[in-house]
Amino acid sequence: MTATTIPADRTQKTPPRHNQPSTARPNSTRAATNRTQTPDTAWVDAIPFRALLRQLISDTGLPAPVLAIAIGIPPRTAMALVSTTRAPRRIRHVDAAAMLARNYCQLTQDARRTGDATGVHAALLSTCPTITAPQLARLLRTDEGTAAGLLDGWMTRCEQVVVWRALALIDGWTASAGSALDDAAATAV
């Protein structure tokens, strides 16, 4: 009777490879990219920030684009967060941090302070040169004297909330003019 020999590789168990470097491709590239992302490009879940922005809008009485300027986030991000049709699932980490850094008390105190309006004149002239003082006063919810001062450039300081509204108006005017140009180009083709 001859003894059958079992090959050695079948009888021995291979040791676990926990400590050995893997040569295989990782299952998820997301894990590798999250480690290399900076806070400027990192993303966070948008759901809690939708609620936070809606609460700030309710508390301050400021519309989303104006509040976005006050907080320091892009107005389009704020408009997307409060949108009822297609809200984003995530926002940039820097926008989330900016929203968390401000609260109702700070915003209402800052709104009543006097702010620097030196850049508003040039921005108004470049984006909406045909606007009149009464029109601007209605849009900014201020008096015609303040609106005329902003248009003429002699008013360099005014309520911060007026500066925020002017910057939001300029941003919205630029965005709508860009989309109007895109629409015109699309219909011309």
N, C-alpha and C. Protein backbone atom coordinates (compact mmCIF):
# COMPACT_ATOMS: atom_id res chain seq x y z
N MET A 1 0.82 -1.15 0.00
CA MET A 1 0.00 0.00 0.00
C MET A 1 0.87 1.22 0.00
N THR A 2 0.55 2.01 -0.92
CA THR A 2 1.36 3.21 -1.03
C THR A 2 0.65 4.37 -0.35
N ALA A 3 1.41 5.14 0.26
CA ALA A 3 0.84 6.31 0.95
C ALA A 3 0.66 7.42 -0.06
N THR A 4 -0.51 8.00 0.00
CA THR A 4 -0.73 9.15 -0.88
C THR A 4 -0.30 10.40 -0.15
N THR A 5 0.36 11.19 -0.85
CA THR A 5 0.83 12.44 -0.24
C THR A 5 -0.04 13.60 -0.72
N ILE A 6 -0.37 14.39 0.21
CA ILE A 6 -1.16 15.58 -0.11
C ILE A 6 -0.19 16.73 -0.30
N PRO A 7 -0.37 17.43 -1.35
CA PRO A 7 0.55 18.55 -1.56
C PRO A 7 0.52 19.51 -0.36
N ALA A 8 1.65 20.07 -0.06
CA ALA A 8 1.80 20.91 1.12
C ALA A 8 0.97 22.19 1.02
N ASP A 9 0.75 22.69 -0.18
CA ASP A 9 0.03 23.96 -0.32
C ASP A 9 -1.45 23.81 0.02
N ARG A 10 -2.01 22.60 -0.04
CA ARG A 10 -3.42 22.43 0.28
C ARG A 10 -3.65 22.21 1.78
N THR A 11 -2.68 21.73 2.46
CA THR A 11 -2.87 21.43 3.87
C THR A 11 -2.57 22.65 4.74
N GLN A 12 -1.78 23.54 4.27
CA GLN A 12 -1.43 24.71 5.08
C GLN A 12 -2.36 25.87 4.73
N LYS A 13 -2.80 26.50 5.77
CA LYS A 13 -3.62 27.69 5.56
C LYS A 13 -2.71 28.88 5.32
N THR A 14 -3.16 29.73 4.45
CA THR A 14 -2.35 30.92 4.20
C THR A 14 -2.62 31.94 5.31
N PRO A 15 -1.59 32.61 5.76
CA PRO A 15 -1.77 33.58 6.84
C PRO A 15 -2.57 34.80 6.33
N PRO A 16 -3.28 35.44 7.22
CA PRO A 16 -4.04 36.61 6.79
C PRO A 16 -3.09 37.71 6.30
N ARG A 17 -3.58 38.51 5.37
CA ARG A 17 -2.75 39.52 4.73
C ARG A 17 -2.99 40.91 5.31
N HIS A 18 -3.37 41.00 6.57
CA HIS A 18 -3.69 42.30 7.17
C HIS A 18 -2.51 43.25 7.20
N ASN A 19 -1.35 42.73 7.49
CA ASN A 19 -0.18 43.59 7.64
C ASN A 19 0.62 43.75 6.35
N GLN A 20 0.22 43.06 5.32
CA GLN A 20 0.96 43.14 4.07
C GLN A 20 0.36 44.24 3.19
N PRO A 21 1.21 44.96 2.48
CA PRO A 21 0.68 46.00 1.59
C PRO A 21 -0.14 45.39 0.46
N SER A 22 -1.21 46.03 0.15
CA SER A 22 -2.09 45.52 -0.89
C SER A 22 -1.66 46.05 -2.25
N THR A 23 -1.61 45.16 -3.19
CA THR A 23 -1.28 45.57 -4.54
C THR A 23 -2.54 45.75 -5.37
N ALA A 24 -3.66 45.32 -4.81
CA ALA A 24 -4.92 45.44 -5.54
C ALA A 24 -5.43 46.88 -5.46
N ARG A 25 -6.26 47.22 -6.39
CA ARG A 25 -6.86 48.56 -6.43
C ARG A 25 -7.87 48.67 -5.28
N PRO A 26 -7.89 49.82 -4.57
CA PRO A 26 -8.85 49.95 -3.47
C PRO A 26 -10.28 49.91 -3.98
N ASN A 27 -11.17 49.43 -3.13
CA ASN A 27 -12.58 49.31 -3.50
C ASN A 27 -13.21 50.66 -3.77
N SER A 28 -12.80 51.67 -3.05
CA SER A 28 -13.44 52.97 -3.17
C SER A 28 -12.38 54.04 -3.37
N THR A 29 -12.54 54.78 -4.42
CA THR A 29 -11.64 55.91 -4.62
C THR A 29 -12.08 57.09 -3.79
N ARG A 30 -13.30 57.07 -3.26
CA ARG A 30 -13.81 58.16 -2.43
C ARG A 30 -12.97 58.30 -1.16
N ALA A 31 -12.58 57.18 -0.57
CA ALA A 31 -11.79 57.23 0.66
C ALA A 31 -10.45 57.90 0.40
N ALA A 32 -9.85 57.61 -0.73
CA ALA A 32 -8.56 58.20 -1.04
C ALA A 32 -8.69 59.69 -1.34
N THR A 33 -9.75 60.10 -1.99
CA THR A 33 -9.88 61.51 -2.34
C THR A 33 -10.31 62.34 -1.15
N ASN A 34 -11.04 61.78 -0.19
CA ASN A 34 -11.44 62.56 0.97
C ASN A 34 -10.25 62.98 1.81
N ARG A 35 -9.23 62.16 1.83
CA ARG A 35 -8.04 62.50 2.61
C ARG A 35 -7.27 63.63 1.96
N THR A 36 -7.36 63.78 0.65
CA THR A 36 -6.58 64.80 -0.03
C THR A 36 -7.36 66.08 -0.26
N GLN A 37 -8.65 66.10 0.06
CA GLN A 37 -9.43 67.30 -0.18
C GLN A 37 -9.14 68.35 0.88
N THR A 38 -9.10 69.58 0.45
CA THR A 38 -8.96 70.69 1.38
C THR A 38 -10.35 71.16 1.78
N PRO A 39 -10.47 71.96 2.84
CA PRO A 39 -11.79 72.44 3.23
C PRO A 39 -12.49 73.24 2.12
N ASP A 40 -11.73 73.82 1.20
CA ASP A 40 -12.34 74.57 0.11
C ASP A 40 -13.08 73.66 -0.85
N THR A 41 -12.64 72.42 -0.99
CA THR A 41 -13.26 71.52 -1.96
C THR A 41 -14.02 70.37 -1.31
N ALA A 42 -14.02 70.30 0.01
CA ALA A 42 -14.74 69.23 0.71
C ALA A 42 -16.24 69.56 0.71
N TRP A 43 -17.05 68.53 0.78
CA TRP A 43 -18.51 68.68 0.73
C TRP A 43 -19.12 68.11 1.99
N VAL A 44 -20.25 68.68 2.40
CA VAL A 44 -21.00 68.20 3.55
C VAL A 44 -22.47 68.07 3.17
N ASP A 45 -23.21 67.32 3.97
CA ASP A 45 -24.64 67.13 3.74
C ASP A 45 -25.37 68.46 3.88
N ALA A 46 -26.28 68.76 2.98
CA ALA A 46 -26.95 70.06 2.94
C ALA A 46 -28.19 70.14 3.82
N ILE A 47 -28.75 69.03 4.24
CA ILE A 47 -30.03 69.04 4.94
C ILE A 47 -30.02 69.92 6.19
N PRO A 48 -29.05 69.81 7.09
CA PRO A 48 -29.11 70.68 8.27
C PRO A 48 -28.91 72.15 7.93
N PHE A 49 -28.20 72.43 6.85
CA PHE A 49 -27.94 73.82 6.48
C PHE A 49 -29.13 74.46 5.78
N ARG A 50 -29.97 73.62 5.13
CA ARG A 50 -31.24 74.14 4.62
C ARG A 50 -32.09 74.64 5.78
N ALA A 51 -32.17 73.85 6.82
CA ALA A 51 -32.96 74.22 7.99
C ALA A 51 -32.37 75.46 8.67
N LEU A 52 -31.05 75.50 8.80
CA LEU A 52 -30.41 76.65 9.43
C LEU A 52 -30.65 77.93 8.65
N LEU A 53 -30.53 77.87 7.33
CA LEU A 53 -30.74 79.06 6.50
C LEU A 53 -32.20 79.51 6.57
N ARG A 54 -33.11 78.58 6.54
CA ARG A 54 -34.53 78.95 6.65
C ARG A 54 -34.82 79.60 8.01
N GLN A 55 -34.19 79.10 9.05
CA GLN A 55 -34.38 79.69 10.39
C GLN A 55 -33.80 81.10 10.43
N LEU A 56 -32.63 81.32 9.82
CA LEU A 56 -32.03 82.65 9.79
C LEU A 56 -32.88 83.62 8.98
N ILE A 57 -33.46 83.15 7.89
CA ILE A 57 -34.35 83.99 7.08
C ILE A 57 -35.56 84.38 7.91
N SER A 58 -36.11 83.43 8.63
CA SER A 58 -37.28 83.70 9.46
C SER A 58 -36.94 84.68 10.59
N ASP A 59 -35.79 84.50 11.22
CA ASP A 59 -35.41 85.34 12.35
C ASP A 59 -35.04 86.76 11.95
N THR A 60 -34.32 86.91 10.83
CA THR A 60 -33.83 88.24 10.44
C THR A 60 -34.79 88.98 9.54
N GLY A 61 -35.62 88.27 8.80
CA GLY A 61 -36.50 88.91 7.84
C GLY A 61 -35.81 89.28 6.54
N LEU A 62 -34.59 88.85 6.37
CA LEU A 62 -33.84 89.13 5.14
C LEU A 62 -34.07 88.02 4.12
N PRO A 63 -34.19 88.36 2.84
CA PRO A 63 -34.31 87.31 1.83
C PRO A 63 -33.01 86.52 1.67
N ALA A 64 -33.10 85.37 1.09
CA ALA A 64 -31.95 84.46 0.98
C ALA A 64 -30.73 85.09 0.30
N PRO A 65 -30.87 85.82 -0.84
CA PRO A 65 -29.65 86.38 -1.45
C PRO A 65 -28.97 87.43 -0.57
N VAL A 66 -29.76 88.23 0.13
CA VAL A 66 -29.19 89.26 1.01
C VAL A 66 -28.52 88.59 2.20
N LEU A 67 -29.14 87.59 2.75
CA LEU A 67 -28.57 86.85 3.87
C LEU A 67 -27.29 86.15 3.44
N ALA A 68 -27.25 85.65 2.22
CA ALA A 68 -26.04 85.00 1.71
C ALA A 68 -24.88 85.98 1.66
N ILE A 69 -25.13 87.19 1.19
CA ILE A 69 -24.08 88.21 1.16
C ILE A 69 -23.61 88.51 2.58
N ALA A 70 -24.56 88.61 3.51
CA ALA A 70 -24.21 88.91 4.90
C ALA A 70 -23.38 87.80 5.53
N ILE A 71 -23.70 86.57 5.21
CA ILE A 71 -22.99 85.42 5.77
C ILE A 71 -21.64 85.22 5.08
N GLY A 72 -21.59 85.50 3.79
CA GLY A 72 -20.36 85.30 3.04
C GLY A 72 -20.37 84.05 2.19
N ILE A 73 -21.57 83.63 1.77
CA ILE A 73 -21.68 82.49 0.86
C ILE A 73 -22.24 82.99 -0.47
N PRO A 74 -22.07 82.25 -1.55
CA PRO A 74 -22.64 82.68 -2.83
C PRO A 74 -24.16 82.73 -2.77
N PRO A 75 -24.77 83.80 -3.29
CA PRO A 75 -26.24 83.87 -3.29
C PRO A 75 -26.90 82.70 -4.01
N ARG A 76 -26.29 82.17 -5.03
CA ARG A 76 -26.87 81.02 -5.72
C ARG A 76 -26.94 79.79 -4.82
N THR A 77 -25.95 79.64 -3.94
CA THR A 77 -25.99 78.54 -2.98
C THR A 77 -27.17 78.70 -2.03
N ALA A 78 -27.37 79.92 -1.54
CA ALA A 78 -28.50 80.18 -0.63
C ALA A 78 -29.82 79.96 -1.34
N MET A 79 -29.94 80.42 -2.58
CA MET A 79 -31.19 80.23 -3.32
C MET A 79 -31.45 78.74 -3.57
N ALA A 80 -30.40 77.99 -3.84
CA ALA A 80 -30.57 76.55 -4.05
C ALA A 80 -30.99 75.85 -2.76
N LEU A 81 -30.44 76.29 -1.63
CA LEU A 81 -30.79 75.66 -0.36
C LEU A 81 -32.25 75.89 0.03
N VAL A 82 -32.80 77.05 -0.30
CA VAL A 82 -34.19 77.32 0.08
C VAL A 82 -35.17 76.94 -1.02
N SER A 83 -34.67 76.45 -2.13
CA SER A 83 -35.53 76.05 -3.23
C SER A 83 -36.42 74.89 -2.81
N THR A 84 -37.67 74.96 -3.23
CA THR A 84 -38.60 73.87 -2.92
C THR A 84 -38.65 72.84 -4.04
N THR A 85 -38.07 73.16 -5.18
CA THR A 85 -38.15 72.23 -6.31
C THR A 85 -36.96 71.29 -6.37
N ARG A 86 -35.76 71.82 -6.29
CA ARG A 86 -34.60 70.95 -6.45
C ARG A 86 -33.47 71.44 -5.55
N ALA A 87 -33.53 71.09 -4.29
CA ALA A 87 -32.52 71.50 -3.33
C ALA A 87 -31.30 70.59 -3.46
N PRO A 88 -30.10 71.15 -3.26
CA PRO A 88 -28.89 70.33 -3.38
C PRO A 88 -28.78 69.34 -2.22
N ARG A 89 -28.10 68.24 -2.47
CA ARG A 89 -27.89 67.25 -1.43
C ARG A 89 -26.65 67.55 -0.60
N ARG A 90 -25.75 68.35 -1.15
CA ARG A 90 -24.52 68.68 -0.43
C ARG A 90 -24.11 70.12 -0.75
N ILE A 91 -23.33 70.71 0.14
CA ILE A 91 -22.78 72.04 -0.07
C ILE A 91 -21.30 72.01 0.29
N ARG A 92 -20.60 73.05 -0.13
CA ARG A 92 -19.17 73.11 0.16
C ARG A 92 -18.94 73.30 1.66
N HIS A 93 -17.87 72.73 2.14
CA HIS A 93 -17.52 72.82 3.55
C HIS A 93 -17.34 74.27 3.99
N VAL A 94 -16.72 75.10 3.15
CA VAL A 94 -16.50 76.50 3.53
C VAL A 94 -17.81 77.26 3.66
N ASP A 95 -18.81 76.93 2.84
CA ASP A 95 -20.11 77.57 2.96
C ASP A 95 -20.81 77.14 4.24
N ALA A 96 -20.68 75.86 4.57
CA ALA A 96 -21.28 75.36 5.80
C ALA A 96 -20.63 76.02 7.02
N ALA A 97 -19.31 76.15 6.99
CA ALA A 97 -18.60 76.78 8.10
C ALA A 97 -18.99 78.25 8.24
N ALA A 98 -19.17 78.94 7.11
CA ALA A 98 -19.58 80.34 7.15
C ALA A 98 -20.98 80.48 7.75
N MET A 99 -21.87 79.55 7.42
CA MET A 99 -23.22 79.60 7.98
C MET A 99 -23.20 79.33 9.48
N LEU A 100 -22.36 78.42 9.92
CA LEU A 100 -22.28 78.09 11.34
C LEU A 100 -21.62 79.21 12.15
N ALA A 101 -20.79 80.00 11.49
CA ALA A 101 -20.07 81.05 12.19
C ALA A 101 -20.95 82.26 12.53
N ARG A 102 -22.10 82.41 11.89
CA ARG A 102 -22.98 83.57 12.13
C ARG A 102 -24.26 83.11 12.80
N ASN A 103 -24.80 83.98 13.64
CA ASN A 103 -26.08 83.68 14.27
C ASN A 103 -27.00 84.89 14.16
N TYR A 104 -28.20 84.71 14.62
CA TYR A 104 -29.23 85.74 14.51
C TYR A 104 -28.79 87.05 15.17
N CYS A 105 -28.23 86.98 16.36
CA CYS A 105 -27.84 88.20 17.08
C CYS A 105 -26.75 88.96 16.33
N GLN A 106 -25.75 88.26 15.83
CA GLN A 106 -24.67 88.91 15.08
C GLN A 106 -25.22 89.58 13.82
N LEU A 107 -26.07 88.87 13.11
CA LEU A 107 -26.60 89.40 11.85
C LEU A 107 -27.46 90.64 12.08
N THR A 108 -28.29 90.64 13.10
CA THR A 108 -29.14 91.81 13.35
C THR A 108 -28.31 92.98 13.84
N GLN A 109 -27.27 92.73 14.63
CA GLN A 109 -26.39 93.82 15.05
C GLN A 109 -25.61 94.38 13.86
N ASP A 110 -25.08 93.50 13.02
CA ASP A 110 -24.32 93.95 11.85
C ASP A 110 -25.20 94.71 10.87
N ALA A 111 -26.45 94.31 10.73
CA ALA A 111 -27.36 94.98 9.79
C ALA A 111 -27.60 96.43 10.18
N ARG A 112 -27.59 96.73 11.48
CA ARG A 112 -27.83 98.09 11.95
C ARG A 112 -26.59 98.96 11.92
N ARG A 113 -25.43 98.36 11.80
CA ARG A 113 -24.17 99.12 11.78
C ARG A 113 -24.00 99.86 10.46
N THR A 114 -23.11 100.84 10.49
CA THR A 114 -22.77 101.56 9.27
C THR A 114 -21.70 100.77 8.53
N GLY A 115 -21.92 100.55 7.24
CA GLY A 115 -21.00 99.76 6.45
C GLY A 115 -20.33 100.56 5.34
N ASP A 116 -19.28 100.02 4.80
CA ASP A 116 -18.52 100.66 3.72
C ASP A 116 -19.23 100.42 2.39
N ALA A 117 -19.60 101.51 1.73
CA ALA A 117 -20.33 101.42 0.47
C ALA A 117 -19.51 101.94 -0.71
N THR A 118 -18.20 102.02 -0.57
CA THR A 118 -17.39 102.60 -1.64
C THR A 118 -17.42 101.76 -2.91
N GLY A 119 -17.47 100.46 -2.81
CA GLY A 119 -17.48 99.61 -4.01
C GLY A 119 -18.84 99.49 -4.67
N VAL A 120 -19.90 99.91 -3.97
CA VAL A 120 -21.25 99.76 -4.51
C VAL A 120 -21.48 100.64 -5.73
N HIS A 121 -20.96 101.87 -5.70
CA HIS A 121 -21.16 102.80 -6.82
C HIS A 121 -20.62 102.23 -8.13
N ALA A 122 -19.38 101.79 -8.13
CA ALA A 122 -18.77 101.25 -9.35
C ALA A 122 -19.50 99.99 -9.82
N ALA A 123 -19.89 99.14 -8.87
CA ALA A 123 -20.59 97.91 -9.25
C ALA A 123 -21.97 98.23 -9.83
N LEU A 124 -22.67 99.21 -9.27
CA LEU A 124 -23.97 99.60 -9.82
C LEU A 124 -23.84 100.16 -11.22
N LEU A 125 -22.81 100.99 -11.43
CA LEU A 125 -22.61 101.57 -12.77
C LEU A 125 -22.28 100.50 -13.81
N SER A 126 -21.52 99.50 -13.41
CA SER A 126 -21.13 98.48 -14.40
C SER A 126 -22.24 97.47 -14.68
N THR A 127 -23.10 97.18 -13.70
CA THR A 127 -24.11 96.14 -13.91
C THR A 127 -25.46 96.69 -14.32
N CYS A 128 -25.87 97.81 -13.76
CA CYS A 128 -27.20 98.36 -14.08
C CYS A 128 -27.10 99.87 -14.23
N PRO A 129 -26.49 100.35 -15.34
CA PRO A 129 -26.23 101.78 -15.50
C PRO A 129 -27.48 102.62 -15.73
N THR A 130 -28.58 102.04 -16.14
CA THR A 130 -29.77 102.83 -16.45
C THR A 130 -30.75 102.94 -15.29
N ILE A 131 -30.43 102.35 -14.16
CA ILE A 131 -31.36 102.38 -13.03
C ILE A 131 -31.41 103.79 -12.43
N THR A 132 -32.58 104.20 -12.01
CA THR A 132 -32.77 105.53 -11.42
C THR A 132 -32.78 105.42 -9.90
N ALA A 133 -32.64 106.56 -9.25
CA ALA A 133 -32.63 106.58 -7.78
C ALA A 133 -33.95 106.08 -7.18
N PRO A 134 -35.12 106.48 -7.71
CA PRO A 134 -36.35 105.93 -7.14
C PRO A 134 -36.47 104.41 -7.33
N GLN A 135 -36.03 103.90 -8.47
CA GLN A 135 -36.06 102.46 -8.68
C GLN A 135 -35.13 101.74 -7.71
N LEU A 136 -33.93 102.28 -7.56
CA LEU A 136 -32.95 101.68 -6.66
C LEU A 136 -33.44 101.73 -5.21
N ALA A 137 -34.07 102.84 -4.85
CA ALA A 137 -34.59 102.98 -3.49
C ALA A 137 -35.64 101.91 -3.20
N ARG A 138 -36.51 101.64 -4.15
CA ARG A 138 -37.51 100.58 -3.97
C ARG A 138 -36.87 99.21 -3.85
N LEU A 139 -35.89 98.95 -4.69
CA LEU A 139 -35.22 97.64 -4.68
C LEU A 139 -34.41 97.42 -3.40
N LEU A 140 -33.80 98.49 -2.90
CA LEU A 140 -32.97 98.36 -1.70
C LEU A 140 -33.74 98.60 -0.41
N ARG A 141 -35.02 98.99 -0.55
CA ARG A 141 -35.87 99.30 0.60
C ARG A 141 -35.26 100.38 1.47
N THR A 142 -34.86 101.46 0.83
CA THR A 142 -34.26 102.59 1.51
C THR A 142 -34.84 103.87 0.94
N ASP A 143 -34.40 105.00 1.43
CA ASP A 143 -34.91 106.28 0.93
C ASP A 143 -34.19 106.68 -0.35
N GLU A 144 -34.80 107.62 -1.09
CA GLU A 144 -34.23 108.04 -2.38
C GLU A 144 -32.91 108.77 -2.21
N GLY A 145 -32.71 109.46 -1.10
CA GLY A 145 -31.44 110.15 -0.86
C GLY A 145 -30.27 109.19 -0.76
N THR A 146 -30.47 108.09 -0.04
CA THR A 146 -29.43 107.06 0.07
C THR A 146 -29.17 106.42 -1.29
N ALA A 147 -30.24 106.13 -2.01
CA ALA A 147 -30.10 105.52 -3.34
C ALA A 147 -29.36 106.46 -4.29
N ALA A 148 -29.71 107.74 -4.25
CA ALA A 148 -29.04 108.72 -5.12
C ALA A 148 -27.57 108.84 -4.75
N GLY A 149 -27.28 108.81 -3.46
CA GLY A 149 -25.89 108.88 -3.02
C GLY A 149 -25.07 107.68 -3.47
N LEU A 150 -25.70 106.50 -3.46
CA LEU A 150 -25.00 105.31 -3.94
C LEU A 150 -24.78 105.36 -5.44
N LEU A 151 -25.79 105.85 -6.16
CA LEU A 151 -25.66 105.95 -7.62
C LEU A 151 -24.64 107.00 -8.04
N ASP A 152 -24.63 108.13 -7.34
CA ASP A 152 -23.71 109.22 -7.69
C ASP A 152 -22.31 109.00 -7.16
N GLY A 153 -22.17 108.16 -6.16
CA GLY A 153 -20.85 107.84 -5.64
C GLY A 153 -20.39 108.69 -4.48
N TRP A 154 -21.17 109.67 -4.05
CA TRP A 154 -20.74 110.52 -2.95
C TRP A 154 -21.01 109.88 -1.59
N MET A 155 -21.88 108.90 -1.53
CA MET A 155 -22.14 108.21 -0.26
C MET A 155 -21.21 107.01 -0.15
N THR A 156 -20.31 107.10 0.79
CA THR A 156 -19.34 106.03 0.98
C THR A 156 -19.67 105.15 2.17
N ARG A 157 -20.60 105.58 3.02
CA ARG A 157 -21.02 104.79 4.18
C ARG A 157 -22.52 104.87 4.32
N CYS A 158 -23.15 103.74 4.62
CA CYS A 158 -24.58 103.68 4.87
C CYS A 158 -24.87 102.45 5.71
N GLU A 159 -26.13 102.20 6.02
CA GLU A 159 -26.47 101.01 6.81
C GLU A 159 -25.95 99.76 6.10
N GLN A 160 -25.41 98.85 6.89
CA GLN A 160 -24.85 97.62 6.32
C GLN A 160 -25.89 96.81 5.57
N VAL A 161 -27.12 96.79 6.03
CA VAL A 161 -28.16 96.02 5.35
C VAL A 161 -28.42 96.58 3.96
N VAL A 162 -28.26 97.89 3.76
CA VAL A 162 -28.42 98.48 2.44
C VAL A 162 -27.28 98.04 1.53
N VAL A 163 -26.08 97.97 2.08
CA VAL A 163 -24.92 97.48 1.30
C VAL A 163 -25.16 96.03 0.91
N TRP A 164 -25.63 95.20 1.85
CA TRP A 164 -25.90 93.79 1.54
C TRP A 164 -26.96 93.68 0.44
N ARG A 165 -28.01 94.47 0.55
CA ARG A 165 -29.07 94.42 -0.47
C ARG A 165 -28.53 94.86 -1.82
N ALA A 166 -27.70 95.88 -1.84
CA ALA A 166 -27.13 96.35 -3.11
C ALA A 166 -26.24 95.28 -3.74
N LEU A 167 -25.42 94.63 -2.93
CA LEU A 167 -24.55 93.58 -3.46
C LEU A 167 -25.35 92.39 -3.95
N ALA A 168 -26.43 92.05 -3.25
CA ALA A 168 -27.29 90.96 -3.71
C ALA A 168 -28.00 91.35 -5.00
N LEU A 169 -28.42 92.60 -5.11
CA LEU A 169 -29.04 93.09 -6.34
C LEU A 169 -28.06 93.00 -7.50
N ILE A 170 -26.85 93.44 -7.27
CA ILE A 170 -25.82 93.41 -8.32
C ILE A 170 -25.54 91.97 -8.74
N ASP A 171 -25.43 91.07 -7.78
CA ASP A 171 -25.19 89.66 -8.10
C ASP A 171 -26.36 89.08 -8.89
N GLY A 172 -27.57 89.37 -8.46
CA GLY A 172 -28.75 88.87 -9.16
C GLY A 172 -28.89 89.48 -10.55
N TRP A 173 -28.55 90.75 -10.66
CA TRP A 173 -28.62 91.42 -11.95
C TRP A 173 -27.62 90.80 -12.91
N THR A 174 -26.43 90.53 -12.41
CA THR A 174 -25.40 89.91 -13.24
C THR A 174 -25.81 88.51 -13.66
N ALA A 175 -26.37 87.74 -12.72
CA ALA A 175 -26.79 86.37 -13.03
C ALA A 175 -27.94 86.37 -14.03
N SER A 176 -28.90 87.28 -13.86
CA SER A 176 -30.03 87.31 -14.78
C SER A 176 -29.62 87.84 -16.15
N ALA A 177 -28.68 88.80 -16.17
CA ALA A 177 -28.20 89.30 -17.46
C ALA A 177 -27.45 88.20 -18.20
N GLY A 178 -26.66 87.41 -17.46
CA GLY A 178 -25.94 86.30 -18.08
C GLY A 178 -26.88 85.26 -18.63
N SER A 179 -27.94 84.95 -17.88
CA SER A 179 -28.89 83.95 -18.37
C SER A 179 -29.72 84.51 -19.52
N ALA A 180 -29.99 85.82 -19.52
CA ALA A 180 -30.73 86.43 -20.63
C ALA A 180 -29.89 86.40 -21.90
N LEU A 181 -28.57 86.63 -21.74
CA LEU A 181 -27.69 86.55 -22.91
C LEU A 181 -27.62 85.14 -23.43
N ASP A 182 -27.57 84.16 -22.52
CA ASP A 182 -27.56 82.76 -22.94
C ASP A 182 -28.85 82.40 -23.67
N ASP A 183 -29.99 82.88 -23.15
CA ASP A 183 -31.28 82.61 -23.79
C ASP A 183 -31.35 83.25 -25.17
N ALA A 184 -30.84 84.48 -25.29
CA ALA A 184 -30.85 85.16 -26.57
C ALA A 184 -29.97 84.44 -27.58
N ALA A 185 -28.82 83.97 -27.14
CA ALA A 185 -27.93 83.25 -28.04
C ALA A 185 -28.53 81.93 -28.47
N ALA A 186 -29.25 81.28 -27.57
CA ALA A 186 -29.87 80.00 -27.90
C ALA A 186 -31.01 80.18 -28.91
N THR A 187 -31.79 81.25 -28.79
CA THR A 187 -32.89 81.46 -29.72
C THR A 187 -32.39 81.96 -31.08
N ALA A 188 -31.21 82.57 -31.10
CA ALA A 188 -30.68 83.09 -32.37
C ALA A 188 -30.13 81.98 -33.24
N VAL A 189 -29.79 80.86 -32.65
CA VAL A 189 -29.20 79.74 -33.40
C VAL A 189 -30.21 78.96 -34.14
